Amino acid sequence: MLELDRVTAGYDRGVPVVADLSLAVGEGEAVGLLGPSGCGKSTLARVAALLHRPWAGTVRLAGEPVTGFRFRAPRAERTRVGVVFQQPRLAADPRLTLGDLIAEPARATGRGAELADRAARLADDIGLTPALLGRRPHEVSDGQLQRACLARALLLRPGLLICDEMTAMLDASTTAALAAVVEEYRREHGAALLAVGHDRVLLRRWCDRVLDFPTGR
């Protein structure tokens, strides 16, 4: 499903954050990428999510080379990938209600009416009440906001879900609830998972195999 072949990426020229790194996630497979903060695993996750163009190397989705990143990525490629970040407040538009946040990908792809029922079901599955759906990010907890961000990532039924430290800021009960939603989604849709984090116990529970960053190249 996902292949990163000898990827080098960074932000300041001449100072790569990841260098010559390769990684593969098969169809329906769950792969964990384990490493301490600051090692570059989140940069690699952004490359895999088509949100950061690598300096060198190739990214393939479903066997096809990716032809663009960020807004230049074709819609068919962008919608194959759902991503949930560590800090939901940096990933959410503060002007949107949680309901609008979940529905954001549907509106962006012109499928708002088509996916309205699915957005409502996801909100219920993820544990968000109608009252919470009418609130904005500053009116809810980190856990409630992260639930909405996960529902948003699943709305278009991506074949690959990338969770970048998704539960790092959450308590144990919310972590368990979100992990269960991810596991149920994968069972239902056969989706692949790339889970990035530093919790070896959680990654081993979630994943078919766990790689240590950067030794798992």
Protein backbone atom coordinates (compact mmCIF):
# COMPACT_ATOMS: atom_id res chain seq x y z
CA MET A 1 0.00 0.00 0.00
CA LEU A 2 2.80 2.41 0.94
CA GLU A 3 6.43 2.32 -0.13
CA LEU A 4 9.07 4.84 0.85
CA ASP A 5 12.22 4.15 -1.12
CA ARG A 6 15.46 5.79 0.05
CA VAL A 7 13.71 8.96 1.20
CA THR A 8 15.71 11.97 2.35
CA ALA A 9 13.75 14.92 3.72
CA GLY A 10 14.13 17.99 5.91
CA TYR A 11 13.31 21.66 6.21
CA ASP A 12 16.63 23.50 6.03
CA ARG A 13 18.73 22.67 2.99
CA GLY A 14 21.81 20.70 3.87
CA VAL A 15 20.37 19.54 7.19
CA PRO A 16 18.28 16.41 6.51
CA VAL A 17 15.94 15.22 9.23
CA VAL A 18 15.68 11.76 7.68
CA ALA A 19 18.26 10.40 5.25
CA ASP A 20 18.12 7.51 2.79
CA LEU A 21 15.30 5.78 4.66
CA SER A 22 13.08 3.05 3.22
CA LEU A 23 9.84 1.69 4.64
CA ALA A 24 6.96 -0.42 3.33
CA VAL A 25 3.43 -1.01 4.60
CA GLY A 26 1.53 -3.77 2.81
CA GLU A 27 -2.16 -3.91 1.96
CA GLY A 28 -4.08 -4.27 5.21
CA GLU A 29 -0.89 -4.34 7.28
CA ALA A 30 -0.27 -2.36 10.47
CA VAL A 31 3.30 -1.13 10.94
CA GLY A 32 4.56 0.73 13.99
CA LEU A 33 7.45 3.17 13.83
CA LEU A 34 9.01 3.57 17.26
CA GLY A 35 11.43 6.29 18.26
CA PRO A 36 12.15 9.10 20.72
CA SER A 37 11.02 12.68 20.22
CA GLY A 38 13.05 14.62 17.70
CA CYS A 39 14.37 11.62 15.77
CA GLY A 40 12.55 12.51 12.54
CA LYS A 41 9.71 10.01 12.57
CA SER A 42 7.03 12.73 12.30
CA THR A 43 8.79 14.19 9.25
CA LEU A 44 8.70 10.74 7.67
CA ALA A 45 4.99 10.47 8.52
CA ARG A 46 4.33 13.80 6.80
CA VAL A 47 6.13 12.56 3.68
CA ALA A 48 4.03 9.38 3.76
CA ALA A 49 0.86 11.48 4.14
CA LEU A 50 1.83 13.55 1.05
CA LEU A 51 2.15 16.67 3.20
CA HIS A 52 5.91 17.19 2.80
CA ARG A 53 7.92 16.77 -0.39
CA PRO A 54 11.11 14.75 0.12
CA TRP A 55 14.40 16.00 -1.26
CA ALA A 56 15.22 12.60 -2.68
CA GLY A 57 13.67 9.16 -2.98
CA THR A 58 10.33 7.82 -4.16
CA VAL A 59 6.92 7.50 -2.49
CA ARG A 60 4.47 4.96 -3.89
CA LEU A 61 0.83 4.42 -3.03
CA ALA A 62 -0.85 1.23 -4.20
CA GLY A 63 2.17 0.56 -6.39
CA GLU A 64 2.06 3.90 -8.22
CA PRO A 65 4.66 6.67 -7.74
CA VAL A 66 3.23 9.76 -6.07
CA THR A 67 3.21 12.67 -8.52
CA GLY A 68 2.62 15.60 -6.17
CA PHE A 69 2.60 16.69 -2.56
CA ARG A 70 0.34 18.95 -0.52
CA PHE A 71 -2.09 20.80 -2.76
CA ARG A 72 -0.39 19.50 -5.88
CA ALA A 73 -1.20 15.90 -5.02
CA PRO A 74 -4.03 14.58 -7.21
CA ARG A 75 -7.28 14.09 -5.35
CA ALA A 76 -7.23 10.33 -5.98
CA GLU A 77 -3.89 10.13 -4.15
CA ARG A 78 -4.80 12.51 -1.32
CA THR A 79 -8.00 10.67 -0.49
CA ARG A 80 -6.24 7.31 -0.20
CA VAL A 81 -4.55 8.56 2.98
CA GLY A 82 -6.06 9.65 6.27
CA VAL A 83 -3.83 11.22 8.90
CA VAL A 84 -4.19 12.08 12.59
CA PHE A 85 -1.55 14.25 14.25
CA GLN A 86 -0.34 14.46 17.84
CA GLN A 87 -1.63 17.95 18.59
CA PRO A 88 -5.28 18.29 17.53
CA ARG A 89 -5.40 22.03 18.21
CA LEU A 90 -2.78 22.63 15.54
CA ALA A 91 -4.67 20.41 13.10
CA ALA A 92 -8.14 21.94 13.56
CA ASP A 93 -9.58 25.19 12.22
CA PRO A 94 -10.65 27.06 15.39
CA ARG A 95 -13.59 28.62 13.51
CA LEU A 96 -15.26 25.27 12.80
CA THR A 97 -17.57 23.33 15.05
CA LEU A 98 -16.62 19.71 15.64
CA GLY A 99 -19.41 18.65 13.31
CA ASP A 100 -18.05 20.87 10.54
CA LEU A 101 -14.53 19.66 11.26
CA ILE A 102 -15.53 16.03 10.70
CA ALA A 103 -17.37 16.94 7.48
CA GLU A 104 -14.50 19.09 6.16
CA PRO A 105 -13.07 16.46 3.72
CA ALA A 106 -16.54 15.82 2.27
CA ARG A 107 -17.07 19.49 1.52
CA ALA A 108 -13.56 19.80 0.07
CA THR A 109 -14.29 16.98 -2.38
CA GLY A 110 -17.83 18.12 -3.22
CA ARG A 111 -19.43 15.17 -1.41
CA GLY A 112 -21.04 16.95 1.55
CA ALA A 113 -24.58 15.69 0.99
CA GLU A 114 -23.45 12.20 0.01
CA LEU A 115 -21.40 11.72 3.18
CA ALA A 116 -23.59 13.54 5.70
CA ASP A 117 -24.99 10.31 7.15
CA ARG A 118 -21.55 8.74 7.36
CA ALA A 119 -20.20 11.80 9.19
CA ALA A 120 -23.02 11.50 11.73
CA ARG A 121 -22.38 7.77 12.22
CA LEU A 122 -18.67 8.34 12.70
CA ALA A 123 -19.32 11.02 15.29
CA ASP A 124 -21.51 8.61 17.20
CA ASP A 125 -19.01 5.75 16.87
CA ILE A 126 -16.19 7.96 18.10
CA GLY A 127 -18.18 9.03 21.19
CA LEU A 128 -19.20 12.60 20.32
CA THR A 129 -22.68 13.67 21.35
CA PRO A 130 -24.81 16.10 19.30
CA ALA A 131 -24.13 18.79 21.89
CA LEU A 132 -20.36 18.40 21.44
CA LEU A 133 -20.66 18.53 17.66
CA GLY A 134 -21.98 22.09 17.96
CA ARG A 135 -18.95 23.29 19.93
CA ARG A 136 -15.72 24.78 18.61
CA PRO A 137 -12.22 23.52 19.48
CA HIS A 138 -11.68 25.96 22.35
CA GLU A 139 -14.87 24.69 23.99
CA VAL A 140 -13.83 21.02 24.20
CA SER A 141 -11.03 18.96 25.69
CA ASP A 142 -8.00 17.66 23.80
CA GLY A 143 -9.49 14.17 23.87
CA GLN A 144 -12.83 15.30 22.44
CA LEU A 145 -11.08 17.28 19.74
CA GLN A 146 -8.82 14.34 18.85
CA ARG A 147 -11.91 12.16 18.50
CA ALA A 148 -13.23 14.60 15.91
CA CYS A 149 -9.88 14.64 14.11
CA LEU A 150 -9.91 10.84 13.89
CA ALA A 151 -13.46 10.83 12.54
CA ARG A 152 -12.39 13.43 9.95
CA ALA A 153 -9.48 11.20 8.88
CA LEU A 154 -11.81 8.22 8.39
CA LEU A 155 -14.63 10.02 6.58
CA LEU A 156 -13.45 9.33 3.02
CA ARG A 157 -12.63 5.67 3.81
CA PRO A 158 -8.87 5.89 3.25
CA GLY A 159 -6.96 2.74 2.40
CA LEU A 160 -4.05 3.93 4.54
CA LEU A 161 -4.34 5.57 7.96
CA ILE A 162 -1.32 7.38 9.42
CA CYS A 163 -1.42 8.05 13.16
CA ASP A 164 1.44 10.31 14.23
CA GLU A 165 1.62 10.15 18.05
CA MET A 166 -2.20 10.24 17.96
CA THR A 167 -2.64 9.37 21.63
CA ALA A 168 0.46 11.02 23.13
CA MET A 169 -1.54 13.83 24.78
CA LEU A 170 -4.51 11.70 25.89
CA ASP A 171 -5.46 9.81 29.03
CA ALA A 172 -5.62 6.02 29.14
CA SER A 173 -9.38 5.71 28.63
CA THR A 174 -9.42 7.99 25.58
CA THR A 175 -6.37 6.23 24.17
CA ALA A 176 -8.14 2.88 24.47
CA ALA A 177 -11.31 4.26 22.87
CA LEU A 178 -9.49 5.71 19.85
CA ALA A 179 -7.36 2.59 19.41
CA ALA A 180 -10.56 0.51 19.35
CA VAL A 181 -12.07 2.75 16.65
CA VAL A 182 -8.94 2.37 14.51
CA GLU A 183 -8.95 -1.40 14.95
CA GLU A 184 -12.64 -1.66 14.04
CA TYR A 185 -12.13 0.53 10.96
CA ARG A 186 -9.27 -1.68 9.79
CA ARG A 187 -11.31 -4.85 10.29
CA GLU A 188 -14.24 -3.41 8.34
CA HIS A 189 -12.28 -1.87 5.45
CA GLY A 190 -9.02 -3.82 5.34
CA ALA A 191 -7.07 -0.59 5.67
CA ALA A 192 -3.34 -0.35 6.25
CA LEU A 193 -1.94 1.53 9.25
CA LEU A 194 1.31 3.37 9.87
CA ALA A 195 1.40 4.20 13.58
CA VAL A 196 4.20 6.50 14.74
CA GLY A 197 4.95 6.78 18.44
CA HIS A 198 7.16 6.13 21.42
CA ASP A 199 4.84 3.76 23.33
CA ARG A 200 6.15 0.30 22.53
CA VAL A 201 3.28 -1.45 24.36
CA LEU A 202 0.59 0.38 22.37
CA LEU A 203 2.39 -0.10 19.07
CA ARG A 204 2.82 -3.82 19.69
CA ARG A 205 -0.88 -4.10 20.50
CA TRP A 206 -1.88 -2.21 17.37
CA CYS A 207 0.63 -3.43 14.83
CA ASP A 208 1.69 -6.54 12.98
CA ARG A 209 5.31 -5.44 13.28
CA VAL A 210 7.18 -2.59 14.94
CA LEU A 211 10.31 -0.93 13.56
CA ASP A 212 12.79 1.04 15.62
CA PHE A 213 13.59 4.40 14.06
CA PRO A 214 16.06 4.85 12.43
CA THR A 215 17.41 1.29 12.61
CA GLY A 216 14.30 -0.13 10.92
CA ARG A 217 15.33 1.15 7.50
